[in-house]
């Protein structure tokens, strides 16, 4: 049973993913309106019953949150559970990412840090462990790269690591759940959100 609900902003763009309990609370407080319900499912109390929310829309516009907590789960989600060196996206039989096959790699190795900071190729100096210097890597690529920089290892990055923005935060939340059919109409065309779990792997 799907336990999550897609929240759309007042401009009908995806904003976040919340638990069904939170969505019901927002509905009862009249902060959101029901857009889509899960077919054939209902939320019941001793005195009431109403459709189980799948997609809701805020009645008032809310600005994107800009700060995203830096942790393993969010780095993996930012990178789409994809190795940033070879492009591998290990998948379990259930269709979800195989987290055991993914690691975090310091682009500029920790061994190169001076007082906890490292220089990046663009000239900036950053903390050795931060959004701008950590990427998702499969176990094989992490071992192959070892304590070298990408140019030294001849392993160019597919995308430059960076701090996620508000839109990235939505994408990261969506990637962590199975995408129900009821959500698909409300996810942008051409986005990785629409068919992430069902897309054919290269």
C-alpha atoms as a PDB file:
ATOM      1  CA  UNK A   1       0.000   0.000   0.000  1.00  0.00           C
ATOM      2  CA  UNK A   2       1.371   3.408  -0.988  1.00  0.00           C
ATOM      3  CA  UNK A   3       1.914   5.503   2.122  1.00  0.00           C
ATOM      4  CA  UNK A   4       2.960   8.748   0.454  1.00  0.00           C
ATOM      5  CA  UNK A   5       1.192  11.691  -1.161  1.00  0.00           C
ATOM      6  CA  UNK A   6       2.514  14.137  -3.761  1.00  0.00           C
ATOM      7  CA  UNK A   7       2.003  17.770  -2.766  1.00  0.00           C
ATOM      8  CA  UNK A   8       1.700  20.337  -5.560  1.00  0.00           C
ATOM      9  CA  UNK A   9       2.376  24.007  -4.978  1.00  0.00           C
ATOM     10  CA  UNK A  10      -0.376  26.522  -5.653  1.00  0.00           C
ATOM     11  CA  UNK A  11       1.071  26.930  -9.163  1.00  0.00           C
ATOM     12  CA  UNK A  12       0.528  23.156  -9.699  1.00  0.00           C
ATOM     13  CA  UNK A  13       4.210  22.253  -9.765  1.00  0.00           C
ATOM     14  CA  UNK A  14       5.514  19.380  -7.562  1.00  0.00           C
ATOM     15  CA  UNK A  15       6.676  20.663  -4.177  1.00  0.00           C
ATOM     16  CA  UNK A  16       7.250  17.702  -1.849  1.00  0.00           C
ATOM     17  CA  UNK A  17       6.256  14.185  -0.837  1.00  0.00           C
ATOM     18  CA  UNK A  18       4.500  13.670   2.510  1.00  0.00           C
ATOM     19  CA  UNK A  19       2.969  10.794   4.456  1.00  0.00           C
ATOM     20  CA  UNK A  20      -0.717  10.107   3.918  1.00  0.00           C
ATOM     21  CA  UNK A  21      -1.336  11.054   7.564  1.00  0.00           C
ATOM     22  CA  UNK A  22       0.203  14.493   6.982  1.00  0.00           C
ATOM     23  CA  UNK A  23      -1.842  14.916   3.806  1.00  0.00           C
ATOM     24  CA  UNK A  24      -5.071  14.080   5.661  1.00  0.00           C
ATOM     25  CA  UNK A  25      -4.191  16.629   8.353  1.00  0.00           C
ATOM     26  CA  UNK A  26      -3.603  19.288   5.677  1.00  0.00           C
ATOM     27  CA  UNK A  27      -6.955  18.411   4.065  1.00  0.00           C
ATOM     28  CA  UNK A  28      -8.790  18.669   7.394  1.00  0.00           C
ATOM     29  CA  UNK A  29      -7.109  22.033   8.073  1.00  0.00           C
ATOM     30  CA  UNK A  30      -8.196  23.165   4.574  1.00  0.00           C
ATOM     31  CA  UNK A  31      -4.586  24.008   3.637  1.00  0.00           C
ATOM     32  CA  UNK A  32      -4.745  21.769   0.551  1.00  0.00           C
ATOM     33  CA  UNK A  33      -7.339  20.534  -1.910  1.00  0.00           C
ATOM     34  CA  UNK A  34      -7.622  16.957  -3.157  1.00  0.00           C
ATOM     35  CA  UNK A  35      -6.457  16.535  -6.768  1.00  0.00           C
ATOM     36  CA  UNK A  36      -6.190  12.743  -7.155  1.00  0.00           C
ATOM     37  CA  UNK A  37      -7.184   9.857  -4.893  1.00  0.00           C
ATOM     38  CA  UNK A  38      -5.886   6.302  -4.874  1.00  0.00           C
ATOM     39  CA  UNK A  39      -8.470   4.210  -6.701  1.00  0.00           C
ATOM     40  CA  UNK A  40     -10.679   2.102  -4.470  1.00  0.00           C
ATOM     41  CA  UNK A  41      -9.029   3.230  -1.230  1.00  0.00           C
ATOM     42  CA  UNK A  42     -10.516   5.243   1.587  1.00  0.00           C
ATOM     43  CA  UNK A  43      -9.429   6.786   4.866  1.00  0.00           C
ATOM     44  CA  UNK A  44     -11.977   6.063   7.581  1.00  0.00           C
ATOM     45  CA  UNK A  45     -12.624   7.296  11.099  1.00  0.00           C
ATOM     46  CA  UNK A  46     -15.447   6.225  13.424  1.00  0.00           C
ATOM     47  CA  UNK A  47     -17.681   8.927  11.935  1.00  0.00           C
ATOM     48  CA  UNK A  48     -16.285   9.703   8.463  1.00  0.00           C
ATOM     49  CA  UNK A  49     -14.751   8.202   5.377  1.00  0.00           C
ATOM     50  CA  UNK A  50     -13.184   9.925   2.384  1.00  0.00           C
ATOM     51  CA  UNK A  51     -10.963   9.036  -0.578  1.00  0.00           C
ATOM     52  CA  UNK A  52      -7.335   8.191   0.218  1.00  0.00           C
ATOM     53  CA  UNK A  53      -5.315  11.180  -1.087  1.00  0.00           C
ATOM     54  CA  UNK A  54      -2.682  10.547  -3.760  1.00  0.00           C
ATOM     55  CA  UNK A  55      -2.072  14.121  -4.972  1.00  0.00           C
ATOM     56  CA  UNK A  56      -3.034  17.342  -3.201  1.00  0.00           C
ATOM     57  CA  UNK A  57      -2.472  21.013  -4.073  1.00  0.00           C
ATOM     58  CA  UNK A  58      -1.653  23.835  -1.654  1.00  0.00           C
ATOM     59  CA  UNK A  59      -4.208  26.625  -1.470  1.00  0.00           C
ATOM     60  CA  UNK A  60      -1.421  29.201  -0.960  1.00  0.00           C
ATOM     61  CA  UNK A  61       1.913  29.326  -2.773  1.00  0.00           C
ATOM     62  CA  UNK A  62       4.947  28.214  -0.744  1.00  0.00           C
ATOM     63  CA  UNK A  63       8.522  29.109  -1.627  1.00  0.00           C
ATOM     64  CA  UNK A  64      10.954  26.235  -2.150  1.00  0.00           C
ATOM     65  CA  UNK A  65      13.117  25.294   0.788  1.00  0.00           C
ATOM     66  CA  UNK A  66      16.692  25.956  -0.225  1.00  0.00           C
ATOM     67  CA  UNK A  67      18.762  24.141   2.406  1.00  0.00           C
ATOM     68  CA  UNK A  68      19.081  20.368   2.070  1.00  0.00           C
ATOM     69  CA  UNK A  69      20.701  18.313   4.818  1.00  0.00           C
ATOM     70  CA  UNK A  70      24.040  16.863   3.745  1.00  0.00           C
ATOM     71  CA  UNK A  71      23.944  13.112   4.374  1.00  0.00           C
ATOM     72  CA  UNK A  72      24.444   9.816   2.531  1.00  0.00           C
ATOM     73  CA  UNK A  73      20.789   9.371   1.609  1.00  0.00           C
ATOM     74  CA  UNK A  74      20.521  12.839   0.111  1.00  0.00           C
ATOM     75  CA  UNK A  75      23.792  12.557  -1.851  1.00  0.00           C
ATOM     76  CA  UNK A  76      22.594   9.279  -3.386  1.00  0.00           C
ATOM     77  CA  UNK A  77      19.217  10.829  -4.196  1.00  0.00           C
ATOM     78  CA  UNK A  78      20.792  13.994  -5.655  1.00  0.00           C
ATOM     79  CA  UNK A  79      22.815  11.801  -8.019  1.00  0.00           C
ATOM     80  CA  UNK A  80      19.804   9.678  -8.967  1.00  0.00           C
ATOM     81  CA  UNK A  81      21.346   6.575  -7.362  1.00  0.00           C
ATOM     82  CA  UNK A  82      23.739   6.558 -10.311  1.00  0.00           C
ATOM     83  CA  UNK A  83      27.520   6.205 -10.313  1.00  0.00           C
ATOM     84  CA  UNK A  84      28.906   9.570 -11.374  1.00  0.00           C
ATOM     85  CA  UNK A  85      31.884   7.920 -13.072  1.00  0.00           C
ATOM     86  CA  UNK A  86      30.531   5.016 -15.137  1.00  0.00           C
ATOM     87  CA  UNK A  87      26.790   5.756 -15.089  1.00  0.00           C
ATOM     88  CA  UNK A  88      25.841   2.429 -13.496  1.00  0.00           C
ATOM     89  CA  UNK A  89      22.534   2.412 -11.632  1.00  0.00           C
ATOM     90  CA  UNK A  90      22.437  -0.894  -9.740  1.00  0.00           C
ATOM     91  CA  UNK A  91      18.874  -2.120  -9.289  1.00  0.00           C
ATOM     92  CA  UNK A  92      17.500  -4.831  -6.977  1.00  0.00           C
ATOM     93  CA  UNK A  93      14.903  -7.358  -8.245  1.00  0.00           C
ATOM     94  CA  UNK A  94      12.212  -5.170  -6.629  1.00  0.00           C
ATOM     95  CA  UNK A  95      13.179  -2.388  -9.055  1.00  0.00           C
ATOM     96  CA  UNK A  96      14.609  -0.107  -6.369  1.00  0.00           C
ATOM     97  CA  UNK A  97      18.260   0.982  -6.182  1.00  0.00           C
ATOM     98  CA  UNK A  98      20.721  -1.524  -4.748  1.00  0.00           C
ATOM     99  CA  UNK A  99      22.235   0.676  -2.059  1.00  0.00           C
ATOM    100  CA  UNK A 100      24.786  -2.002  -1.139  1.00  0.00           C
ATOM    101  CA  UNK A 101      26.428  -1.433  -4.547  1.00  0.00           C
ATOM    102  CA  UNK A 102      26.713   2.341  -4.129  1.00  0.00           C
ATOM    103  CA  UNK A 103      29.282   4.282  -2.120  1.00  0.00           C
ATOM    104  CA  UNK A 104      30.226   7.908  -1.593  1.00  0.00           C
ATOM    105  CA  UNK A 105      33.473   9.150  -3.115  1.00  0.00           C
ATOM    106  CA  UNK A 106      35.465  12.288  -2.379  1.00  0.00           C
ATOM    107  CA  UNK A 107      36.227  13.840  -5.773  1.00  0.00           C
ATOM    108  CA  UNK A 108      39.410  15.380  -4.383  1.00  0.00           C
ATOM    109  CA  UNK A 109      40.599  12.678  -1.951  1.00  0.00           C
ATOM    110  CA  UNK A 110      40.690  13.294   1.776  1.00  0.00           C
ATOM    111  CA  UNK A 111      44.414  12.513   1.650  1.00  0.00           C
ATOM    112  CA  UNK A 112      44.864  15.789  -0.307  1.00  0.00           C
ATOM    113  CA  UNK A 113      43.131  17.935   2.303  1.00  0.00           C
ATOM    114  CA  UNK A 114      44.926  20.632   4.246  1.00  0.00           C
ATOM    115  CA  UNK A 115      43.245  21.550   7.514  1.00  0.00           C
ATOM    116  CA  UNK A 116      40.089  19.832   6.282  1.00  0.00           C
ATOM    117  CA  UNK A 117      39.865  21.728   2.976  1.00  0.00           C
ATOM    118  CA  UNK A 118      40.623  20.837  -0.638  1.00  0.00           C
ATOM    119  CA  UNK A 119      40.990  22.870  -3.863  1.00  0.00           C
ATOM    120  CA  UNK A 120      38.465  22.210  -6.643  1.00  0.00           C
ATOM    121  CA  UNK A 121      39.162  22.467 -10.373  1.00  0.00           C
ATOM    122  CA  UNK A 122      37.153  25.704 -10.581  1.00  0.00           C
ATOM    123  CA  UNK A 123      39.575  27.373  -8.151  1.00  0.00           C
ATOM    124  CA  UNK A 124      37.362  27.288  -5.069  1.00  0.00           C
ATOM    125  CA  UNK A 125      38.561  25.769  -1.805  1.00  0.00           C
ATOM    126  CA  UNK A 126      35.884  23.802   0.065  1.00  0.00           C
ATOM    127  CA  UNK A 127      35.502  21.494   3.028  1.00  0.00           C
ATOM    128  CA  UNK A 128      36.730  18.019   2.054  1.00  0.00           C
ATOM    129  CA  UNK A 129      33.347  16.488   2.906  1.00  0.00           C
ATOM    130  CA  UNK A 130      30.633  18.678   1.399  1.00  0.00           C
ATOM    131  CA  UNK A 131      28.104  18.743  -1.454  1.00  0.00           C
ATOM    132  CA  UNK A 132      30.725  20.075  -3.894  1.00  0.00           C
ATOM    133  CA  UNK A 133      33.301  17.335  -3.250  1.00  0.00           C
ATOM    134  CA  UNK A 134      31.258  14.162  -2.695  1.00  0.00           C
ATOM    135  CA  UNK A 135      29.565  12.053  -5.362  1.00  0.00           C
ATOM    136  CA  UNK A 136      27.879   8.690  -5.711  1.00  0.00           C
ATOM    137  CA  UNK A 137      30.178   5.957  -7.010  1.00  0.00           C
ATOM    138  CA  UNK A 138      29.648   2.267  -7.572  1.00  0.00           C
ATOM    139  CA  UNK A 139      31.893  -0.026  -5.538  1.00  0.00           C
ATOM    140  CA  UNK A 140      34.063  -0.867  -8.575  1.00  0.00           C
ATOM    141  CA  UNK A 141      34.654   2.755  -9.603  1.00  0.00           C
ATOM    142  CA  UNK A 142      35.410   3.834  -6.062  1.00  0.00           C
ATOM    143  CA  UNK A 143      38.050   1.106  -5.761  1.00  0.00           C
ATOM    144  CA  UNK A 144      39.494   1.914  -9.191  1.00  0.00           C
ATOM    145  CA  UNK A 145      39.739   5.651  -8.522  1.00  0.00           C
ATOM    146  CA  UNK A 146      41.316   5.105  -5.074  1.00  0.00           C
ATOM    147  CA  UNK A 147      43.187   8.157  -3.742  1.00  0.00           C
ATOM    148  CA  UNK A 148      43.392  10.000  -7.056  1.00  0.00           C
ATOM    149  CA  UNK A 149      41.494  12.881  -8.591  1.00  0.00           C
ATOM    150  CA  UNK A 150      39.242  12.145 -11.597  1.00  0.00           C
ATOM    151  CA  UNK A 151      41.818  13.493 -14.108  1.00  0.00           C
ATOM    152  CA  UNK A 152      44.593  11.443 -12.524  1.00  0.00           C
ATOM    153  CA  UNK A 153      42.439   8.305 -12.656  1.00  0.00           C
ATOM    154  CA  UNK A 154      41.196   9.187 -16.178  1.00  0.00           C
ATOM    155  CA  UNK A 155      37.641   8.916 -14.814  1.00  0.00           C
ATOM    156  CA  UNK A 156      35.759  12.110 -15.726  1.00  0.00           C
ATOM    157  CA  UNK A 157      32.670  12.991 -13.731  1.00  0.00           C
ATOM    158  CA  UNK A 158      29.328  12.780 -15.539  1.00  0.00           C
ATOM    159  CA  UNK A 159      28.005  15.817 -13.646  1.00  0.00           C
ATOM    160  CA  UNK A 160      29.703  18.342 -11.397  1.00  0.00           C
ATOM    161  CA  UNK A 161      28.628  17.907  -7.765  1.00  0.00           C
ATOM    162  CA  UNK A 162      26.771  20.840  -6.224  1.00  0.00           C
ATOM    163  CA  UNK A 163      24.391  21.769  -3.439  1.00  0.00           C
ATOM    164  CA  UNK A 164      20.822  20.781  -4.356  1.00  0.00           C
ATOM    165  CA  UNK A 165      18.265  23.518  -4.933  1.00  0.00           C
ATOM    166  CA  UNK A 166      14.557  23.451  -4.075  1.00  0.00           C
ATOM    167  CA  UNK A 167      13.560  21.659  -7.277  1.00  0.00           C
ATOM    168  CA  UNK A 168      16.263  19.052  -6.673  1.00  0.00           C
ATOM    169  CA  UNK A 169      14.749  18.453  -3.238  1.00  0.00           C
ATOM    170  CA  UNK A 170      11.422  17.470  -4.834  1.00  0.00           C
ATOM    171  CA  UNK A 171      13.199  15.174  -7.297  1.00  0.00           C
ATOM    172  CA  UNK A 172      15.165  13.581  -4.453  1.00  0.00           C
ATOM    173  CA  UNK A 173      11.983  12.886  -2.484  1.00  0.00           C
ATOM    174  CA  UNK A 174      10.181  11.417  -5.495  1.00  0.00           C
ATOM    175  CA  UNK A 175      13.096   9.090  -6.300  1.00  0.00           C
ATOM    176  CA  UNK A 176      12.868   7.521  -2.846  1.00  0.00           C
ATOM    177  CA  UNK A 177       9.395   6.046  -3.395  1.00  0.00           C
ATOM    178  CA  UNK A 178       7.620   3.947  -5.998  1.00  0.00           C
ATOM    179  CA  UNK A 179       5.891   6.406  -8.325  1.00  0.00           C
ATOM    180  CA  UNK A 180       2.147   5.615  -8.370  1.00  0.00           C
ATOM    181  CA  UNK A 181       0.164   5.965 -11.577  1.00  0.00           C
ATOM    182  CA  UNK A 182      -1.913   8.674  -9.887  1.00  0.00           C
ATOM    183  CA  UNK A 183       1.159  10.938  -9.729  1.00  0.00           C
ATOM    184  CA  UNK A 184       2.371  10.640 -13.308  1.00  0.00           C
ATOM    185  CA  UNK A 185       0.124  13.301 -14.830  1.00  0.00           C
ATOM    186  CA  UNK A 186       1.472  15.834 -12.319  1.00  0.00           C
ATOM    187  CA  UNK A 187       5.174  15.186 -12.872  1.00  0.00           C
ATOM    188  CA  UNK A 188       6.818  17.346 -15.562  1.00  0.00           C
ATOM    189  CA  UNK A 189       7.236  15.912 -19.061  1.00  0.00           C
ATOM    190  CA  UNK A 190      10.813  14.920 -19.748  1.00  0.00           C
ATOM    191  CA  UNK A 191      11.741  14.859 -16.076  1.00  0.00           C
ATOM    192  CA  UNK A 192      13.496  11.845 -14.578  1.00  0.00           C
ATOM    193  CA  UNK A 193      10.601  11.595 -12.122  1.00  0.00           C
ATOM    194  CA  UNK A 194       7.969  10.270 -14.524  1.00  0.00           C
ATOM    195  CA  UNK A 195       9.530   6.928 -15.397  1.00  0.00           C
ATOM    196  CA  UNK A 196      12.532   6.562 -13.089  1.00  0.00           C
ATOM    197  CA  UNK A 197      11.785   3.016 -11.920  1.00  0.00           C
ATOM    198  CA  UNK A 198      10.483   1.734 -15.254  1.00  0.00           C
ATOM    199  CA  UNK A 199      12.918   3.348 -17.691  1.00  0.00           C
ATOM    200  CA  UNK A 200      15.108   0.942 -19.658  1.00  0.00           C
ATOM    201  CA  UNK A 201      18.689   1.005 -18.458  1.00  0.00           C
ATOM    202  CA  UNK A 202      21.463   1.784 -20.932  1.00  0.00           C
END
